[in-house]
Amino acid sequence: MAADAPMPDTARSLTLLPGALSFVPAGWRLQTLLGSCVSVVVWQPRLRLGGMCHFLLPERVGHRRAGPDGRFAPDALAMLEQQMHASGLDTWHFVAHVAGGAHCLARRTGQDDATLDIGRRNTEAALQWCRHMGMPVLQVAVGGRTSRQVDFDTSSGEVRIRAGLPIPETGLAPTLPAAAFAMGQLAGPAAPAAPAAPPPALAAKDLR
């Protein structure tokens, strides 16, 4: 398939908001839009199923909710691992892709403190988790000062990562909900479930 050719449009489409997770069989396309956030995509070639998470921060901060919260890397990745094990296979039977982690905050604050580079820390959390799970990482598209759009076809395992708009001087990424509505259905903690039954989108509130 040519690099700029569209993915097949026969699959059902679901777009993940920040903090959301979806794990689905073949026949679905999962999409999201990233700035400093990171998405990890996992796929199992034999079973032709996989998932995607979209987390905002490398660790929990502020008020702790009861139950897991997909906005934070430890919780999002733990929920993704739970779904992988539910398939009946160990995690090392999957392959992974990692995207996002744009460098935003340091420019906005005028500081170059590595602890403020949330994108880099998100990326490190994702890659460390993949190593711990024993999964080969087939594609890493991270860093820089550009947004990224991720499009995952669960039937073929193809993960297409496109560079989007540059991160502006304010350090703010493009607004996700507006772009997500243009891309397809939304999946997230406050979004409506997909119309298909059963709905495949898993947010933190669904796993309490």
Protein backbone atom coordinates (compact mmCIF):
# COMPACT_ATOMS: atom_id res chain seq x y z
CA MET A 1 0.00 0.00 0.00
CA ALA A 2 1.40 3.40 -0.93
CA ALA A 3 2.44 5.62 1.95
CA ASP A 4 -0.24 8.18 1.19
CA ALA A 5 -2.99 5.71 0.26
CA PRO A 6 -6.00 5.67 2.59
CA MET A 7 -6.64 2.67 4.77
CA PRO A 8 -9.61 0.49 3.77
CA ASP A 9 -12.87 2.16 4.79
CA THR A 10 -14.74 -1.09 5.51
CA ALA A 11 -13.61 -1.14 9.15
CA ARG A 12 -15.58 0.48 11.94
CA SER A 13 -13.79 3.54 13.32
CA LEU A 14 -13.24 4.69 16.87
CA THR A 15 -11.28 7.76 18.01
CA LEU A 16 -9.73 7.81 21.48
CA LEU A 17 -9.78 10.89 23.67
CA PRO A 18 -7.07 11.45 26.30
CA GLY A 19 -7.39 8.90 29.10
CA ALA A 20 -9.24 6.36 26.95
CA LEU A 21 -8.31 2.81 26.01
CA SER A 22 -9.76 0.37 23.49
CA PHE A 23 -8.96 -3.29 22.82
CA VAL A 24 -10.79 -4.79 19.85
CA PRO A 25 -10.75 -7.65 17.29
CA ALA A 26 -10.18 -7.41 13.55
CA GLY A 27 -12.55 -5.12 11.71
CA TRP A 28 -11.87 -1.97 13.73
CA ARG A 29 -9.76 1.13 13.17
CA LEU A 30 -8.52 2.98 16.24
CA GLN A 31 -7.40 6.58 15.88
CA THR A 32 -6.14 9.38 18.06
CA LEU A 33 -4.35 12.73 17.96
CA LEU A 34 -1.29 13.40 20.13
CA GLY A 35 0.84 16.26 21.40
CA SER A 36 2.93 15.56 24.49
CA CYS A 37 0.58 12.64 25.26
CA VAL A 38 1.69 9.15 24.27
CA SER A 39 -0.19 6.27 22.71
CA VAL A 40 0.96 2.67 22.86
CA VAL A 41 -0.52 0.37 20.22
CA VAL A 42 -0.31 -3.41 20.65
CA TRP A 43 -1.28 -6.10 18.13
CA GLN A 44 -1.35 -9.89 18.08
CA PRO A 45 -0.79 -11.15 14.52
CA ARG A 46 -2.26 -14.66 14.92
CA LEU A 47 -5.45 -13.60 16.69
CA ARG A 48 -5.65 -10.32 14.75
CA LEU A 49 -6.66 -8.24 17.72
CA GLY A 50 -5.09 -5.35 19.51
CA GLY A 51 -5.50 -2.17 21.45
CA MET A 52 -4.45 1.40 22.00
CA CYS A 53 -4.16 3.64 25.03
CA HIS A 54 -3.73 7.41 25.20
CA PHE A 55 -2.21 8.78 28.42
CA LEU A 56 -1.32 12.33 29.38
CA LEU A 57 1.15 12.10 32.25
CA PRO A 58 3.95 9.69 33.25
CA GLU A 59 2.74 9.35 36.84
CA ARG A 60 -0.27 10.09 39.02
CA VAL A 61 -0.62 13.65 40.27
CA GLY A 62 -3.18 15.50 42.37
CA HIS A 63 -6.35 13.93 43.71
CA ARG A 64 -6.40 10.14 43.45
CA ARG A 65 -9.59 8.69 42.03
CA ALA A 66 -10.96 5.40 43.22
CA GLY A 67 -9.89 2.80 40.67
CA PRO A 68 -7.62 3.13 37.64
CA ASP A 69 -7.33 6.37 35.70
CA GLY A 70 -6.24 6.10 32.07
CA ARG A 71 -4.85 9.63 32.01
CA PHE A 72 -1.74 8.37 33.82
CA ALA A 73 0.84 6.01 32.30
CA PRO A 74 0.95 3.41 35.12
CA ASP A 75 -2.83 2.96 35.08
CA ALA A 76 -3.27 3.11 31.30
CA LEU A 77 -0.53 0.56 30.68
CA ALA A 78 -1.77 -1.73 33.44
CA MET A 79 -5.25 -1.73 31.89
CA LEU A 80 -3.76 -2.47 28.47
CA GLU A 81 -1.76 -5.36 29.95
CA GLN A 82 -4.94 -6.69 31.56
CA GLN A 83 -6.66 -6.80 28.17
CA MET A 84 -3.69 -8.53 26.56
CA HIS A 85 -3.70 -11.27 29.20
CA ALA A 86 -7.47 -11.64 28.72
CA SER A 87 -6.75 -12.77 25.15
CA GLY A 88 -5.15 -15.90 26.60
CA LEU A 89 -1.61 -15.07 25.46
CA ASP A 90 1.42 -13.70 27.24
CA THR A 91 2.37 -10.14 26.43
CA TRP A 92 5.49 -11.12 24.52
CA HIS A 93 3.25 -12.59 21.80
CA PHE A 94 2.26 -9.03 20.88
CA VAL A 95 4.11 -6.34 18.95
CA ALA A 96 4.02 -2.66 19.88
CA HIS A 97 4.18 0.84 18.39
CA VAL A 98 4.79 4.03 20.38
CA ALA A 99 3.86 7.55 19.26
CA GLY A 100 3.55 11.07 20.63
CA GLY A 101 5.68 12.63 23.35
CA ALA A 102 6.12 16.01 21.66
CA HIS A 103 8.26 18.56 23.49
CA CYS A 104 5.82 21.27 24.59
CA LEU A 105 6.11 22.54 28.13
CA ALA A 106 9.72 23.73 28.28
CA ARG A 107 9.21 26.24 25.48
CA ARG A 108 6.08 27.62 27.08
CA THR A 109 7.74 28.12 30.47
CA GLY A 110 11.05 29.27 29.08
CA GLN A 111 12.83 26.57 31.06
CA ASP A 112 14.87 23.65 29.85
CA ASP A 113 14.51 21.47 32.93
CA ALA A 114 14.23 17.82 31.83
CA THR A 115 11.67 17.20 34.57
CA LEU A 116 9.31 19.59 32.78
CA ASP A 117 9.55 17.72 29.48
CA ILE A 118 6.37 15.70 29.94
CA GLY A 119 6.58 14.31 26.40
CA ARG A 120 9.99 12.78 27.00
CA ARG A 121 8.94 11.30 30.33
CA ASN A 122 5.77 9.87 28.78
CA THR A 123 7.89 8.27 26.06
CA GLU A 124 10.29 6.77 28.60
CA ALA A 125 7.38 5.29 30.56
CA ALA A 126 5.95 3.69 27.40
CA LEU A 127 9.22 2.21 26.16
CA GLN A 128 10.18 0.92 29.60
CA TRP A 129 6.81 -0.83 29.85
CA CYS A 130 7.24 -2.43 26.41
CA ARG A 131 10.64 -3.76 27.45
CA HIS A 132 9.18 -5.12 30.68
CA MET A 133 6.40 -6.86 28.72
CA GLY A 134 8.98 -8.43 26.39
CA MET A 135 7.35 -6.96 23.28
CA PRO A 136 9.28 -5.94 20.18
CA VAL A 137 8.63 -2.29 19.36
CA LEU A 138 8.21 -2.03 15.61
CA GLN A 139 7.81 1.73 15.34
CA VAL A 140 8.72 4.71 17.50
CA ALA A 141 7.58 8.18 16.42
CA VAL A 142 8.18 10.52 19.33
CA GLY A 143 9.62 13.85 20.39
CA GLY A 144 10.06 17.00 18.39
CA ARG A 145 7.56 19.83 18.32
CA THR A 146 4.81 18.42 16.14
CA SER A 147 1.45 16.83 16.77
CA ARG A 148 0.84 13.31 15.47
CA GLN A 149 -2.18 11.40 14.22
CA VAL A 150 -2.24 7.63 14.80
CA ASP A 151 -4.37 5.28 12.71
CA PHE A 152 -4.39 1.57 13.65
CA ASP A 153 -6.04 -1.11 11.50
CA THR A 154 -6.70 -4.14 13.71
CA SER A 155 -7.27 -6.43 10.73
CA SER A 156 -3.82 -5.97 9.17
CA GLY A 157 -1.87 -4.64 12.14
CA GLU A 158 -0.84 -1.59 10.14
CA VAL A 159 -0.14 1.45 12.30
CA ARG A 160 0.15 4.68 10.37
CA ILE A 161 1.61 7.66 12.21
CA ARG A 162 1.38 11.03 10.49
CA ALA A 163 3.06 14.23 11.60
CA GLY A 164 0.52 17.00 11.98
CA LEU A 165 0.61 20.66 12.91
CA PRO A 166 3.68 22.07 14.66
CA ILE A 167 3.25 22.78 18.36
CA PRO A 168 2.77 26.58 18.61
CA GLU A 169 4.91 28.86 20.75
CA THR A 170 2.34 28.66 23.55
CA GLY A 171 3.18 24.97 23.93
CA LEU A 172 -0.41 23.92 23.34
CA ALA A 173 -1.21 21.04 21.01
CA PRO A 174 -4.13 21.24 18.54
CA THR A 175 -7.49 20.82 20.26
CA LEU A 176 -8.27 17.10 20.27
CA PRO A 177 -12.08 17.00 20.37
CA ALA A 178 -12.52 19.11 17.23
CA ALA A 179 -10.02 17.00 15.31
CA ALA A 180 -11.45 13.78 16.74
CA PHE A 181 -14.98 14.60 15.60
CA ALA A 182 -13.58 15.02 12.09
CA MET A 183 -11.80 11.66 12.31
CA GLY A 184 -14.63 9.45 13.57
CA GLN A 185 -16.36 8.32 16.73
CA LEU A 186 -15.04 9.38 20.10
CA ALA A 187 -14.02 7.09 22.92
CA GLY A 188 -13.09 8.50 26.28
CA PRO A 189 -14.06 8.87 29.92
CA ALA A 190 -16.81 11.37 29.10
CA ALA A 191 -17.64 10.25 25.57
CA PRO A 192 -20.60 8.15 24.39
CA ALA A 193 -19.94 4.49 23.74
CA ALA A 194 -19.63 3.15 20.22
CA PRO A 195 -22.95 2.11 18.66
CA ALA A 196 -21.85 -1.45 17.95
CA ALA A 197 -22.63 -4.09 20.54
CA PRO A 198 -20.72 -4.75 22.66
CA PRO A 199 -18.99 -1.33 22.74
CA PRO A 200 -15.22 -1.81 22.52
CA ALA A 201 -14.08 1.40 24.19
CA LEU A 202 -12.67 0.93 27.66
CA ALA A 203 -12.19 3.94 29.89
CA ALA A 204 -11.14 3.97 33.52
CA LYS A 205 -14.73 4.05 34.72
CA ASP A 206 -15.47 0.81 32.83
CA LEU A 207 -12.81 -1.19 34.68
CA ARG A 208 -13.63 -0.35 38.29
